[in-house]
Amino acid sequence: MSITHIVLFQFKSGVDTQVIKDTCDRMVGLKDSCIHPTSNKSYIKSSSGGADNSIEGIQNGITHAFVVEFASAEDRDYYVREDPVHKAFVQSLNGVVEKAQVVDFTDGVFEIP
């Protein structure tokens, strides 16, 4: 079953808008740059994101959101634990992102493991 990986960022105040755009472009671009070592192909099914535009006012500082879909938990686990491109991206967030939150789910599964 596919895994949906939600990533939320709060950028640090004072970060240049071009740095924010570059960071967001690189986040969405992980779909093409993360290559599985066995298949030598991209293993992220889809990736999208954008700046918050909610009118609810309960963002708690979150400014940008991303949705990444994996075909399997195994692909998600490789991405989080091993993928060198993803690891380098995470390291690049130091000094740029104030807060990050991640939530993963399988559509229709509501039992907590």
PDB file of N, CA and C in Angstrom:
ATOM      1  N   MET A   1       0.842  -1.192   0.000  1.00  0.00           N
ATOM      2  CA  MET A   1       0.000   0.000   0.000  1.00  0.00           C
ATOM      3  C   MET A   1       0.879   1.245   0.000  1.00  0.00           C
ATOM      4  N   SER A   2       0.423   2.261  -0.679  1.00  0.00           N
ATOM      5  CA  SER A   2       1.223   3.479  -0.776  1.00  0.00           C
ATOM      6  C   SER A   2       1.244   4.235   0.552  1.00  0.00           C
ATOM      7  N   ILE A   3       2.301   5.006   0.723  1.00  0.00           N
ATOM      8  CA  ILE A   3       2.500   5.824   1.915  1.00  0.00           C
ATOM      9  C   ILE A   3       2.517   7.283   1.475  1.00  0.00           C
ATOM     10  N   THR A   4       1.729   8.108   2.145  1.00  0.00           N
ATOM     11  CA  THR A   4       1.753   9.547   1.917  1.00  0.00           C
ATOM     12  C   THR A   4       2.573  10.181   3.026  1.00  0.00           C
ATOM     13  N   HIS A   5       3.554  10.973   2.639  1.00  0.00           N
ATOM     14  CA  HIS A   5       4.545  11.580   3.529  1.00  0.00           C
ATOM     15  C   HIS A   5       4.312  13.092   3.480  1.00  0.00           C
ATOM     16  N   ILE A   6       3.834  13.658   4.588  1.00  0.00           N
ATOM     17  CA  ILE A   6       3.550  15.090   4.671  1.00  0.00           C
ATOM     18  C   ILE A   6       4.713  15.773   5.376  1.00  0.00           C
ATOM     19  N   VAL A   7       5.266  16.812   4.770  1.00  0.00           N
ATOM     20  CA  VAL A   7       6.383  17.561   5.351  1.00  0.00           C
ATOM     21  C   VAL A   7       5.960  19.021   5.466  1.00  0.00           C
ATOM     22  N   LEU A   8       6.123  19.580   6.660  1.00  0.00           N
ATOM     23  CA  LEU A   8       5.758  20.973   6.919  1.00  0.00           C
ATOM     24  C   LEU A   8       6.987  21.740   7.382  1.00  0.00           C
ATOM     25  N   PHE A   9       7.201  22.923   6.834  1.00  0.00           N
ATOM     26  CA  PHE A   9       8.341  23.762   7.211  1.00  0.00           C
ATOM     27  C   PHE A   9       7.867  25.105   7.746  1.00  0.00           C
ATOM     28  N   GLN A  10       8.597  25.593   8.720  1.00  0.00           N
ATOM     29  CA  GLN A  10       8.548  26.998   9.115  1.00  0.00           C
ATOM     30  C   GLN A  10       9.947  27.532   8.851  1.00  0.00           C
ATOM     31  N   PHE A  11      10.070  28.423   7.888  1.00  0.00           N
ATOM     32  CA  PHE A  11      11.376  28.998   7.589  1.00  0.00           C
ATOM     33  C   PHE A  11      11.740  30.028   8.648  1.00  0.00           C
ATOM     34  N   LYS A  12      13.025  30.140   8.918  1.00  0.00           N
ATOM     35  CA  LYS A  12      13.504  31.125   9.884  1.00  0.00           C
ATOM     36  C   LYS A  12      13.208  32.527   9.366  1.00  0.00           C
ATOM     37  N   SER A  13      12.891  33.425  10.293  1.00  0.00           N
ATOM     38  CA  SER A  13      12.647  34.804   9.880  1.00  0.00           C
ATOM     39  C   SER A  13      13.939  35.389   9.327  1.00  0.00           C
ATOM     40  N   GLY A  14      13.801  36.200   8.314  1.00  0.00           N
ATOM     41  CA  GLY A  14      14.957  36.840   7.705  1.00  0.00           C
ATOM     42  C   GLY A  14      15.613  36.046   6.594  1.00  0.00           C
ATOM     43  N   VAL A  15      15.164  34.819   6.348  1.00  0.00           N
ATOM     44  CA  VAL A  15      15.737  34.033   5.251  1.00  0.00           C
ATOM     45  C   VAL A  15      15.291  34.656   3.929  1.00  0.00           C
ATOM     46  N   ASP A  16      16.243  34.870   3.043  1.00  0.00           N
ATOM     47  CA  ASP A  16      15.979  35.481   1.750  1.00  0.00           C
ATOM     48  C   ASP A  16      14.937  34.678   0.970  1.00  0.00           C
ATOM     49  N   THR A  17      14.042  35.373   0.288  1.00  0.00           N
ATOM     50  CA  THR A  17      12.977  34.693  -0.456  1.00  0.00           C
ATOM     51  C   THR A  17      13.528  33.767  -1.540  1.00  0.00           C
ATOM     52  N   GLN A  18      14.666  34.115  -2.125  1.00  0.00           N
ATOM     53  CA  GLN A  18      15.258  33.243  -3.141  1.00  0.00           C
ATOM     54  C   GLN A  18      15.767  31.948  -2.518  1.00  0.00           C
ATOM     55  N   VAL A  19      16.285  32.020  -1.296  1.00  0.00           N
ATOM     56  CA  VAL A  19      16.734  30.816  -0.586  1.00  0.00           C
ATOM     57  C   VAL A  19      15.532  29.924  -0.284  1.00  0.00           C
ATOM     58  N   ILE A  20      14.423  30.529   0.121  1.00  0.00           N
ATOM     59  CA  ILE A  20      13.200  29.763   0.384  1.00  0.00           C
ATOM     60  C   ILE A  20      12.729  29.082  -0.897  1.00  0.00           C
ATOM     61  N   LYS A  21      12.691  29.824  -2.001  1.00  0.00           N
ATOM     62  CA  LYS A  21      12.252  29.241  -3.273  1.00  0.00           C
ATOM     63  C   LYS A  21      13.164  28.093  -3.685  1.00  0.00           C
ATOM     64  N   ASP A  22      14.475  28.290  -3.563  1.00  0.00           N
ATOM     65  CA  ASP A  22      15.434  27.246  -3.924  1.00  0.00           C
ATOM     66  C   ASP A  22      15.233  26.004  -3.059  1.00  0.00           C
ATOM     67  N   THR A  23      15.041  26.207  -1.767  1.00  0.00           N
ATOM     68  CA  THR A  23      14.824  25.079  -0.857  1.00  0.00           C
ATOM     69  C   THR A  23      13.560  24.322  -1.239  1.00  0.00           C
ATOM     70  N   CYS A  24      12.500  25.043  -1.525  1.00  0.00           N
ATOM     71  CA  CYS A  24      11.237  24.403  -1.910  1.00  0.00           C
ATOM     72  C   CYS A  24      11.370  23.672  -3.246  1.00  0.00           C
ATOM     73  N   ASP A  25      12.047  24.284  -4.202  1.00  0.00           N
ATOM     74  CA  ASP A  25      12.264  23.627  -5.496  1.00  0.00           C
ATOM     75  C   ASP A  25      13.064  22.337  -5.317  1.00  0.00           C
ATOM     76  N   ARG A  26      14.077  22.383  -4.451  1.00  0.00           N
ATOM     77  CA  ARG A  26      14.888  21.182  -4.211  1.00  0.00           C
ATOM     78  C   ARG A  26      14.071  20.112  -3.494  1.00  0.00           C
ATOM     79  N   MET A  27      13.186  20.521  -2.581  1.00  0.00           N
ATOM     80  CA  MET A  27      12.334  19.550  -1.879  1.00  0.00           C
ATOM     81  C   MET A  27      11.444  18.817  -2.886  1.00  0.00           C
ATOM     82  N   VAL A  28      10.761  19.553  -3.730  1.00  0.00           N
ATOM     83  CA  VAL A  28       9.893  18.930  -4.736  1.00  0.00           C
ATOM     84  C   VAL A  28      10.734  18.137  -5.739  1.00  0.00           C
ATOM     85  N   GLY A  29      11.936  18.622  -6.036  1.00  0.00           N
ATOM     86  CA  GLY A  29      12.825  17.964  -6.987  1.00  0.00           C
ATOM     87  C   GLY A  29      13.408  16.649  -6.512  1.00  0.00           C
ATOM     88  N   LEU A  30      13.258  16.352  -5.214  1.00  0.00           N
ATOM     89  CA  LEU A  30      13.745  15.062  -4.721  1.00  0.00           C
ATOM     90  C   LEU A  30      13.090  13.906  -5.466  1.00  0.00           C
ATOM     91  N   LYS A  31      11.896  14.128  -6.006  1.00  0.00           N
ATOM     92  CA  LYS A  31      11.211  13.084  -6.774  1.00  0.00           C
ATOM     93  C   LYS A  31      12.086  12.580  -7.922  1.00  0.00           C
ATOM     94  N   ASP A  32      12.824  13.478  -8.531  1.00  0.00           N
ATOM     95  CA  ASP A  32      13.659  13.093  -9.667  1.00  0.00           C
ATOM     96  C   ASP A  32      15.098  12.787  -9.279  1.00  0.00           C
ATOM     97  N   SER A  33      15.573  13.364  -8.188  1.00  0.00           N
ATOM     98  CA  SER A  33      16.983  13.178  -7.826  1.00  0.00           C
ATOM     99  C   SER A  33      17.229  12.010  -6.881  1.00  0.00           C
ATOM    100  N   CYS A  34      16.192  11.507  -6.219  1.00  0.00           N
ATOM    101  CA  CYS A  34      16.352  10.337  -5.350  1.00  0.00           C
ATOM    102  C   CYS A  34      16.196   9.076  -6.202  1.00  0.00           C
ATOM    103  N   ILE A  35      17.278   8.331  -6.316  1.00  0.00           N
ATOM    104  CA  ILE A  35      17.316   7.143  -7.170  1.00  0.00           C
ATOM    105  C   ILE A  35      17.538   5.916  -6.295  1.00  0.00           C
ATOM    106  N   HIS A  36      16.705   4.897  -6.490  1.00  0.00           N
ATOM    107  CA  HIS A  36      16.848   3.672  -5.698  1.00  0.00           C
ATOM    108  C   HIS A  36      18.060   2.885  -6.186  1.00  0.00           C
ATOM    109  N   PRO A  37      18.903   2.395  -5.267  1.00  0.00           N
ATOM    110  CA  PRO A  37      20.133   1.719  -5.683  1.00  0.00           C
ATOM    111  C   PRO A  37      19.909   0.388  -6.395  1.00  0.00           C
ATOM    112  N   THR A  38      18.786  -0.254  -6.179  1.00  0.00           N
ATOM    113  CA  THR A  38      18.517  -1.539  -6.822  1.00  0.00           C
ATOM    114  C   THR A  38      17.987  -1.355  -8.243  1.00  0.00           C
ATOM    115  N   SER A  39      16.989  -0.487  -8.387  1.00  0.00           N
ATOM    116  CA  SER A  39      16.366  -0.288  -9.702  1.00  0.00           C
ATOM    117  C   SER A  39      17.070   0.778 -10.541  1.00  0.00           C
ATOM    118  N   ASN A  40      17.857   1.622  -9.898  1.00  0.00           N
ATOM    119  CA  ASN A  40      18.481   2.778 -10.554  1.00  0.00           C
ATOM    120  C   ASN A  40      17.452   3.709 -11.183  1.00  0.00           C
ATOM    121  N   LYS A  41      16.256   3.746 -10.573  1.00  0.00           N
ATOM    122  CA  LYS A  41      15.183   4.616 -11.035  1.00  0.00           C
ATOM    123  C   LYS A  41      14.644   5.422  -9.865  1.00  0.00           C
ATOM    124  N   SER A  42      13.991   6.520 -10.198  1.00  0.00           N
ATOM    125  CA  SER A  42      13.311   7.308  -9.177  1.00  0.00           C
ATOM    126  C   SER A  42      12.231   6.438  -8.535  1.00  0.00           C
ATOM    127  N   TYR A  43      12.110   6.507  -7.236  1.00  0.00           N
ATOM    128  CA  TYR A  43      11.144   5.659  -6.539  1.00  0.00           C
ATOM    129  C   TYR A  43      10.065   6.469  -5.823  1.00  0.00           C
ATOM    130  N   ILE A  44      10.083   7.772  -5.958  1.00  0.00           N
ATOM    131  CA  ILE A  44       9.034   8.614  -5.389  1.00  0.00           C
ATOM    132  C   ILE A  44       7.934   8.732  -6.440  1.00  0.00           C
ATOM    133  N   LYS A  45       6.701   8.330  -6.066  1.00  0.00           N
ATOM    134  CA  LYS A  45       5.589   8.341  -7.022  1.00  0.00           C
ATOM    135  C   LYS A  45       5.179   9.750  -7.417  1.00  0.00           C
ATOM    136  N   SER A  46       5.084  10.633  -6.423  1.00  0.00           N
ATOM    137  CA  SER A  46       4.694  12.013  -6.706  1.00  0.00           C
ATOM    138  C   SER A  46       5.199  12.920  -5.599  1.00  0.00           C
ATOM    139  N   SER A  47       5.325  14.187  -5.939  1.00  0.00           N
ATOM    140  CA  SER A  47       5.784  15.179  -4.977  1.00  0.00           C
ATOM    141  C   SER A  47       5.197  16.526  -5.365  1.00  0.00           C
ATOM    142  N   SER A  48       4.604  17.214  -4.394  1.00  0.00           N
ATOM    143  CA  SER A  48       4.054  18.542  -4.645  1.00  0.00           C
ATOM    144  C   SER A  48       4.187  19.370  -3.377  1.00  0.00           C
ATOM    145  N   GLY A  49       4.057  20.655  -3.524  1.00  0.00           N
ATOM    146  CA  GLY A  49       4.159  21.510  -2.351  1.00  0.00           C
ATOM    147  C   GLY A  49       3.886  22.952  -2.699  1.00  0.00           C
ATOM    148  N   GLY A  50       3.818  23.774  -1.642  1.00  0.00           N
ATOM    149  CA  GLY A  50       3.594  25.196  -1.846  1.00  0.00           C
ATOM    150  C   GLY A  50       3.546  25.944  -0.536  1.00  0.00           C
ATOM    151  N   ALA A  51       3.427  27.266  -0.659  1.00  0.00           N
ATOM    152  CA  ALA A  51       3.323  28.134   0.512  1.00  0.00           C
ATOM    153  C   ALA A  51       1.921  28.029   1.102  1.00  0.00           C
ATOM    154  N   ASP A  52       1.847  28.138   2.415  1.00  0.00           N
ATOM    155  CA  ASP A  52       0.562  28.091   3.106  1.00  0.00           C
ATOM    156  C   ASP A  52      -0.337  29.224   2.629  1.00  0.00           C
ATOM    157  N   ASN A  53      -1.593  28.906   2.400  1.00  0.00           N
ATOM    158  CA  ASN A  53      -2.575  29.944   2.099  1.00  0.00           C
ATOM    159  C   ASN A  53      -3.888  29.698   2.830  1.00  0.00           C
ATOM    160  N   SER A  54      -3.818  28.981   3.955  1.00  0.00           N
ATOM    161  CA  SER A  54      -5.016  28.675   4.734  1.00  0.00           C
ATOM    162  C   SER A  54      -5.583  29.942   5.373  1.00  0.00           C
ATOM    163  N   ILE A  55      -6.889  30.022   5.435  1.00  0.00           N
ATOM    164  CA  ILE A  55      -7.554  31.146   6.093  1.00  0.00           C
ATOM    165  C   ILE A  55      -7.943  30.811   7.535  1.00  0.00           C
ATOM    166  N   GLU A  56      -7.598  29.593   7.991  1.00  0.00           N
ATOM    167  CA  GLU A  56      -8.034  29.163   9.319  1.00  0.00           C
ATOM    168  C   GLU A  56      -7.240  29.771  10.466  1.00  0.00           C
ATOM    169  N   GLY A  57      -6.007  30.175  10.208  1.00  0.00           N
ATOM    170  CA  GLY A  57      -5.216  30.827  11.238  1.00  0.00           C
ATOM    171  C   GLY A  57      -4.680  29.906  12.320  1.00  0.00           C
ATOM    172  N   ILE A  58      -4.547  28.622  12.026  1.00  0.00           N
ATOM    173  CA  ILE A  58      -4.021  27.682  13.033  1.00  0.00           C
ATOM    174  C   ILE A  58      -2.775  26.959  12.515  1.00  0.00           C
ATOM    175  N   GLN A  59      -1.944  27.689  11.786  1.00  0.00           N
ATOM    176  CA  GLN A  59      -0.748  27.104  11.191  1.00  0.00           C
ATOM    177  C   GLN A  59       0.386  26.931  12.198  1.00  0.00           C
ATOM    178  N   ASN A  60       0.325  27.608  13.317  1.00  0.00           N
ATOM    179  CA  ASN A  60       1.370  27.518  14.341  1.00  0.00           C
ATOM    180  C   ASN A  60       2.762  27.764  13.765  1.00  0.00           C
ATOM    181  N   GLY A  61       2.864  28.728  12.873  1.00  0.00           N
ATOM    182  CA  GLY A  61       4.152  29.112  12.312  1.00  0.00           C
ATOM    183  C   GLY A  61       4.526  28.416  11.017  1.00  0.00           C
ATOM    184  N   ILE A  62       3.848  27.337  10.671  1.00  0.00           N
ATOM    185  CA  ILE A  62       4.173  26.599   9.444  1.00  0.00           C
ATOM    186  C   ILE A  62       3.895  27.494   8.236  1.00  0.00           C
ATOM    187  N   THR A  63       4.872  27.561   7.329  1.00  0.00           N
ATOM    188  CA  THR A  63       4.747  28.436   6.163  1.00  0.00           C
ATOM    189  C   THR A  63       4.637  27.687   4.837  1.00  0.00           C
ATOM    190  N   HIS A  64       5.123  26.441   4.801  1.00  0.00           N
ATOM    191  CA  HIS A  64       5.150  25.682   3.548  1.00  0.00           C
ATOM    192  C   HIS A  64       4.819  24.217   3.824  1.00  0.00           C
ATOM    193  N   ALA A  65       4.135  23.589   2.874  1.00  0.00           N
ATOM    194  CA  ALA A  65       3.744  22.185   3.026  1.00  0.00           C
ATOM    195  C   ALA A  65       4.082  21.414   1.755  1.00  0.00           C
ATOM    196  N   PHE A  66       4.421  20.137   1.954  1.00  0.00           N
ATOM    197  CA  PHE A  66       4.792  19.251   0.848  1.00  0.00           C
ATOM    198  C   PHE A  66       4.130  17.897   1.052  1.00  0.00           C
ATOM    199  N   VAL A  67       3.722  17.286  -0.049  1.00  0.00           N
ATOM    200  CA  VAL A  67       3.127  15.958  -0.019  1.00  0.00           C
ATOM    201  C   VAL A  67       3.957  15.075  -0.949  1.00  0.00           C
ATOM    202  N   VAL A  68       4.508  14.000  -0.379  1.00  0.00           N
ATOM    203  CA  VAL A  68       5.343  13.068  -1.132  1.00  0.00           C
ATOM    204  C   VAL A  68       4.689  11.698  -1.035  1.00  0.00           C
ATOM    205  N   GLU A  69       4.525  11.022  -2.163  1.00  0.00           N
ATOM    206  CA  GLU A  69       3.892   9.699  -2.149  1.00  0.00           C
ATOM    207  C   GLU A  69       4.899   8.628  -2.556  1.00  0.00           C
ATOM    208  N   PHE A  70       4.920   7.571  -1.748  1.00  0.00           N
ATOM    209  CA  PHE A  70       5.767   6.408  -2.013  1.00  0.00           C
ATOM    210  C   PHE A  70       4.883   5.210  -2.312  1.00  0.00           C
ATOM    211  N   ALA A  71       5.353   4.302  -3.160  1.00  0.00           N
ATOM    212  CA  ALA A  71       4.592   3.101  -3.503  1.00  0.00           C
ATOM    213  C   ALA A  71       4.488   2.141  -2.330  1.00  0.00           C
ATOM    214  N   SER A  72       5.459   2.196  -1.422  1.00  0.00           N
ATOM    215  CA  SER A  72       5.483   1.225  -0.321  1.00  0.00           C
ATOM    216  C   SER A  72       6.175   1.815   0.896  1.00  0.00           C
ATOM    217  N   ALA A  73       5.949   1.174   2.032  1.00  0.00           N
ATOM    218  CA  ALA A  73       6.652   1.559   3.255  1.00  0.00           C
ATOM    219  C   ALA A  73       8.151   1.343   3.092  1.00  0.00           C
ATOM    220  N   GLU A  74       8.531   0.333   2.338  1.00  0.00           N
ATOM    221  CA  GLU A  74       9.951   0.062   2.115  1.00  0.00           C
ATOM    222  C   GLU A  74      10.626   1.226   1.391  1.00  0.00           C
ATOM    223  N   ASP A  75       9.954   1.776   0.382  1.00  0.00           N
ATOM    224  CA  ASP A  75      10.512   2.931  -0.325  1.00  0.00           C
ATOM    225  C   ASP A  75      10.616   4.134   0.607  1.00  0.00           C
ATOM    226  N   ARG A  76       9.579   4.380   1.396  1.00  0.00           N
ATOM    227  CA  ARG A  76       9.617   5.484   2.357  1.00  0.00           C
ATOM    228  C   ARG A  76      10.749   5.289   3.354  1.00  0.00           C
ATOM    229  N   ASP A  77      10.909   4.065   3.846  1.00  0.00           N
ATOM    230  CA  ASP A  77      11.956   3.775   4.827  1.00  0.00           C
ATOM    231  C   ASP A  77      13.343   4.002   4.238  1.00  0.00           C
ATOM    232  N   TYR A  78      13.549   3.601   2.985  1.00  0.00           N
ATOM    233  CA  TYR A  78      14.834   3.843   2.334  1.00  0.00           C
ATOM    234  C   TYR A  78      15.095   5.348   2.232  1.00  0.00           C
ATOM    235  N   TYR A  79      14.098   6.087   1.824  1.00  0.00           N
ATOM    236  CA  TYR A  79      14.197   7.540   1.689  1.00  0.00           C
ATOM    237  C   TYR A  79      14.618   8.186   3.005  1.00  0.00           C
ATOM    238  N   VAL A  80      13.942   7.831   4.070  1.00  0.00           N
ATOM    239  CA  VAL A  80      14.194   8.461   5.373  1.00  0.00           C
ATOM    240  C   VAL A  80      15.513   8.000   5.980  1.00  0.00           C
ATOM    241  N   ARG A  81      15.799   6.719   5.893  1.00  0.00           N
ATOM    242  CA  ARG A  81      16.939   6.155   6.626  1.00  0.00           C
ATOM    243  C   ARG A  81      18.243   6.098   5.846  1.00  0.00           C
ATOM    244  N   GLU A  82      18.173   5.985   4.513  1.00  0.00           N
ATOM    245  CA  GLU A  82      19.387   5.676   3.765  1.00  0.00           C
ATOM    246  C   GLU A  82      19.703   6.585   2.584  1.00  0.00           C
ATOM    247  N   ASP A  83      18.712   7.107   1.922  1.00  0.00           N
ATOM    248  CA  ASP A  83      18.968   7.811   0.663  1.00  0.00           C
ATOM    249  C   ASP A  83      19.944   8.976   0.870  1.00  0.00           C
ATOM    250  N   PRO A  84      21.121   8.924   0.223  1.00  0.00           N
ATOM    251  CA  PRO A  84      22.120   9.969   0.436  1.00  0.00           C
ATOM    252  C   PRO A  84      21.683  11.342  -0.079  1.00  0.00           C
ATOM    253  N   VAL A  85      20.866  11.377  -1.120  1.00  0.00           N
ATOM    254  CA  VAL A  85      20.389  12.654  -1.652  1.00  0.00           C
ATOM    255  C   VAL A  85      19.436  13.297  -0.653  1.00  0.00           C
ATOM    256  N   HIS A  86      18.532  12.503  -0.085  1.00  0.00           N
ATOM    257  CA  HIS A  86      17.614  13.026   0.922  1.00  0.00           C
ATOM    258  C   HIS A  86      18.377  13.476   2.162  1.00  0.00           C
ATOM    259  N   LYS A  87      19.341  12.680   2.597  1.00  0.00           N
ATOM    260  CA  LYS A  87      20.131  13.048   3.782  1.00  0.00           C
ATOM    261  C   LYS A  87      20.863  14.372   3.560  1.00  0.00           C
ATOM    262  N   ALA A  88      21.430  14.567   2.385  1.00  0.00           N
ATOM    263  CA  ALA A  88      22.120  15.824   2.080  1.00  0.00           C
ATOM    264  C   ALA A  88      21.137  16.993   2.079  1.00  0.00           C
ATOM    265  N   PHE A  89      19.937  16.762   1.549  1.00  0.00           N
ATOM    266  CA  PHE A  89      18.922  17.812   1.562  1.00  0.00           C
ATOM    267  C   PHE A  89      18.579  18.199   2.993  1.00  0.00           C
ATOM    268  N   VAL A  90      18.353  17.217   3.848  1.00  0.00           N
ATOM    269  CA  VAL A  90      18.015  17.492   5.249  1.00  0.00           C
ATOM    270  C   VAL A  90      19.122  18.315   5.904  1.00  0.00           C
ATOM    271  N   GLN A  91      20.368  17.953   5.663  1.00  0.00           N
ATOM    272  CA  GLN A  91      21.490  18.710   6.228  1.00  0.00           C
ATOM    273  C   GLN A  91      21.496  20.157   5.727  1.00  0.00           C
ATOM    274  N   SER A  92      21.073  20.371   4.501  1.00  0.00           N
ATOM    275  CA  SER A  92      21.082  21.718   3.924  1.00  0.00           C
ATOM    276  C   SER A  92      20.051  22.637   4.568  1.00  0.00           C
ATOM    277  N   LEU A  93      19.136  22.080   5.348  1.00  0.00           N
ATOM    278  CA  LEU A  93      18.093  22.883   5.988  1.00  0.00           C
ATOM    279  C   LEU A  93      18.596  23.619   7.222  1.00  0.00           C
ATOM    280  N   ASN A  94      19.750  23.207   7.747  1.00  0.00           N
ATOM    281  CA  ASN A  94      20.309  23.869   8.925  1.00  0.00           C
ATOM    282  C   ASN A  94      20.527  25.348   8.630  1.00  0.00           C
ATOM    283  N   GLY A  95      20.023  26.196   9.518  1.00  0.00           N
ATOM    284  CA  GLY A  95      20.160  27.631   9.350  1.00  0.00           C
ATOM    285  C   GLY A  95      19.083  28.261   8.494  1.00  0.00           C
ATOM    286  N   VAL A  96      18.245  27.437   7.873  1.00  0.00           N
ATOM    287  CA  VAL A  96      17.202  27.942   6.981  1.00  0.00           C
ATOM    288  C   VAL A  96      15.810  27.665   7.548  1.00  0.00           C
ATOM    289  N   VAL A  97      15.618  26.464   8.076  1.00  0.00           N
ATOM    290  CA  VAL A  97      14.311  26.044   8.583  1.00  0.00           C
ATOM    291  C   VAL A  97      14.303  26.111  10.105  1.00  0.00           C
ATOM    292  N   GLU A  98      13.326  26.821  10.629  1.00  0.00           N
ATOM    293  CA  GLU A  98      13.144  26.949  12.077  1.00  0.00           C
ATOM    294  C   GLU A  98      12.528  25.683  12.659  1.00  0.00           C
ATOM    295  N   LYS A  99      11.508  25.176  11.964  1.00  0.00           N
ATOM    296  CA  LYS A  99      10.766  24.018  12.462  1.00  0.00           C
ATOM    297  C   LYS A  99      10.338  23.166  11.280  1.00  0.00           C
ATOM    298  N   ALA A 100      10.435  21.864  11.462  1.00  0.00           N
ATOM    299  CA  ALA A 100       9.934  20.920  10.461  1.00  0.00           C
ATOM    300  C   ALA A 100       9.068  19.893  11.176  1.00  0.00           C
ATOM    301  N   GLN A 101       7.988  19.512  10.544  1.00  0.00           N
ATOM    302  CA  GLN A 101       7.121  18.453  11.057  1.00  0.00           C
ATOM    303  C   GLN A 101       6.876  17.471   9.924  1.00  0.00           C
ATOM    304  N   VAL A 102       6.810  16.192  10.283  1.00  0.00           N
ATOM    305  CA  VAL A 102       6.559  15.152   9.287  1.00  0.00           C
ATOM    306  C   VAL A 102       5.494  14.211   9.831  1.00  0.00           C
ATOM    307  N   VAL A 103       4.520  13.903   8.993  1.00  0.00           N
ATOM    308  CA  VAL A 103       3.479  12.929   9.319  1.00  0.00           C
ATOM    309  C   VAL A 103       3.309  12.038   8.099  1.00  0.00           C
ATOM    310  N   ASP A 104       3.299  10.726   8.318  1.00  0.00           N
ATOM    311  CA  ASP A 104       3.082   9.764   7.241  1.00  0.00           C
ATOM    312  C   ASP A 104       1.793   9.000   7.507  1.00  0.00           C
ATOM    313  N   PHE A 105       1.113   8.597   6.441  1.00  0.00           N
ATOM    314  CA  PHE A 105      -0.075   7.769   6.618  1.00  0.00           C
ATOM    315  C   PHE A 105      -0.319   6.900   5.398  1.00  0.00           C
ATOM    316  N   THR A 106      -1.088   5.847   5.631  1.00  0.00           N
ATOM    317  CA  THR A 106      -1.609   5.004   4.565  1.00  0.00           C
ATOM    318  C   THR A 106      -3.085   5.339   4.446  1.00  0.00           C
ATOM    319  N   ASP A 107      -3.532   5.689   3.254  1.00  0.00           N
ATOM    320  CA  ASP A 107      -4.910   6.106   3.035  1.00  0.00           C
ATOM    321  C   ASP A 107      -5.889   5.056   3.552  1.00  0.00           C
ATOM    322  N   GLY A 108      -6.830   5.496   4.374  1.00  0.00           N
ATOM    323  CA  GLY A 108      -7.877   4.626   4.884  1.00  0.00           C
ATOM    324  C   GLY A 108      -7.512   3.804   6.100  1.00  0.00           C
ATOM    325  N   VAL A 109      -6.265   3.867   6.556  1.00  0.00           N
ATOM    326  CA  VAL A 109      -5.845   3.112   7.743  1.00  0.00           C
ATOM    327  C   VAL A 109      -5.846   4.075   8.923  1.00  0.00           C
ATOM    328  N   PHE A 110      -6.723   3.814   9.893  1.00  0.00           N
ATOM    329  CA  PHE A 110      -6.887   4.726  11.015  1.00  0.00           C
ATOM    330  C   PHE A 110      -6.444   4.144  12.345  1.00  0.00           C
ATOM    331  N   GLU A 111      -6.029   2.874  12.346  1.00  0.00           N
ATOM    332  CA  GLU A 111      -5.507   2.272  13.563  1.00  0.00           C
ATOM    333  C   GLU A 111      -4.077   2.760  13.764  1.00  0.00           C
ATOM    334  N   ILE A 112      -3.734   3.123  14.990  1.00  0.00           N
ATOM    335  CA  ILE A 112      -2.370   3.557  15.299  1.00  0.00           C
ATOM    336  C   ILE A 112      -1.532   2.314  15.564  1.00  0.00           C
ATOM    337  N   PRO A 113      -0.399   2.180  14.834  1.00  0.00           N
ATOM    338  CA  PRO A 113       0.422   0.962  14.996  1.00  0.00           C
ATOM    339  C   PRO A 113       1.055   0.868  16.377  1.00  0.00           C
TER     340      PRO A 113
END
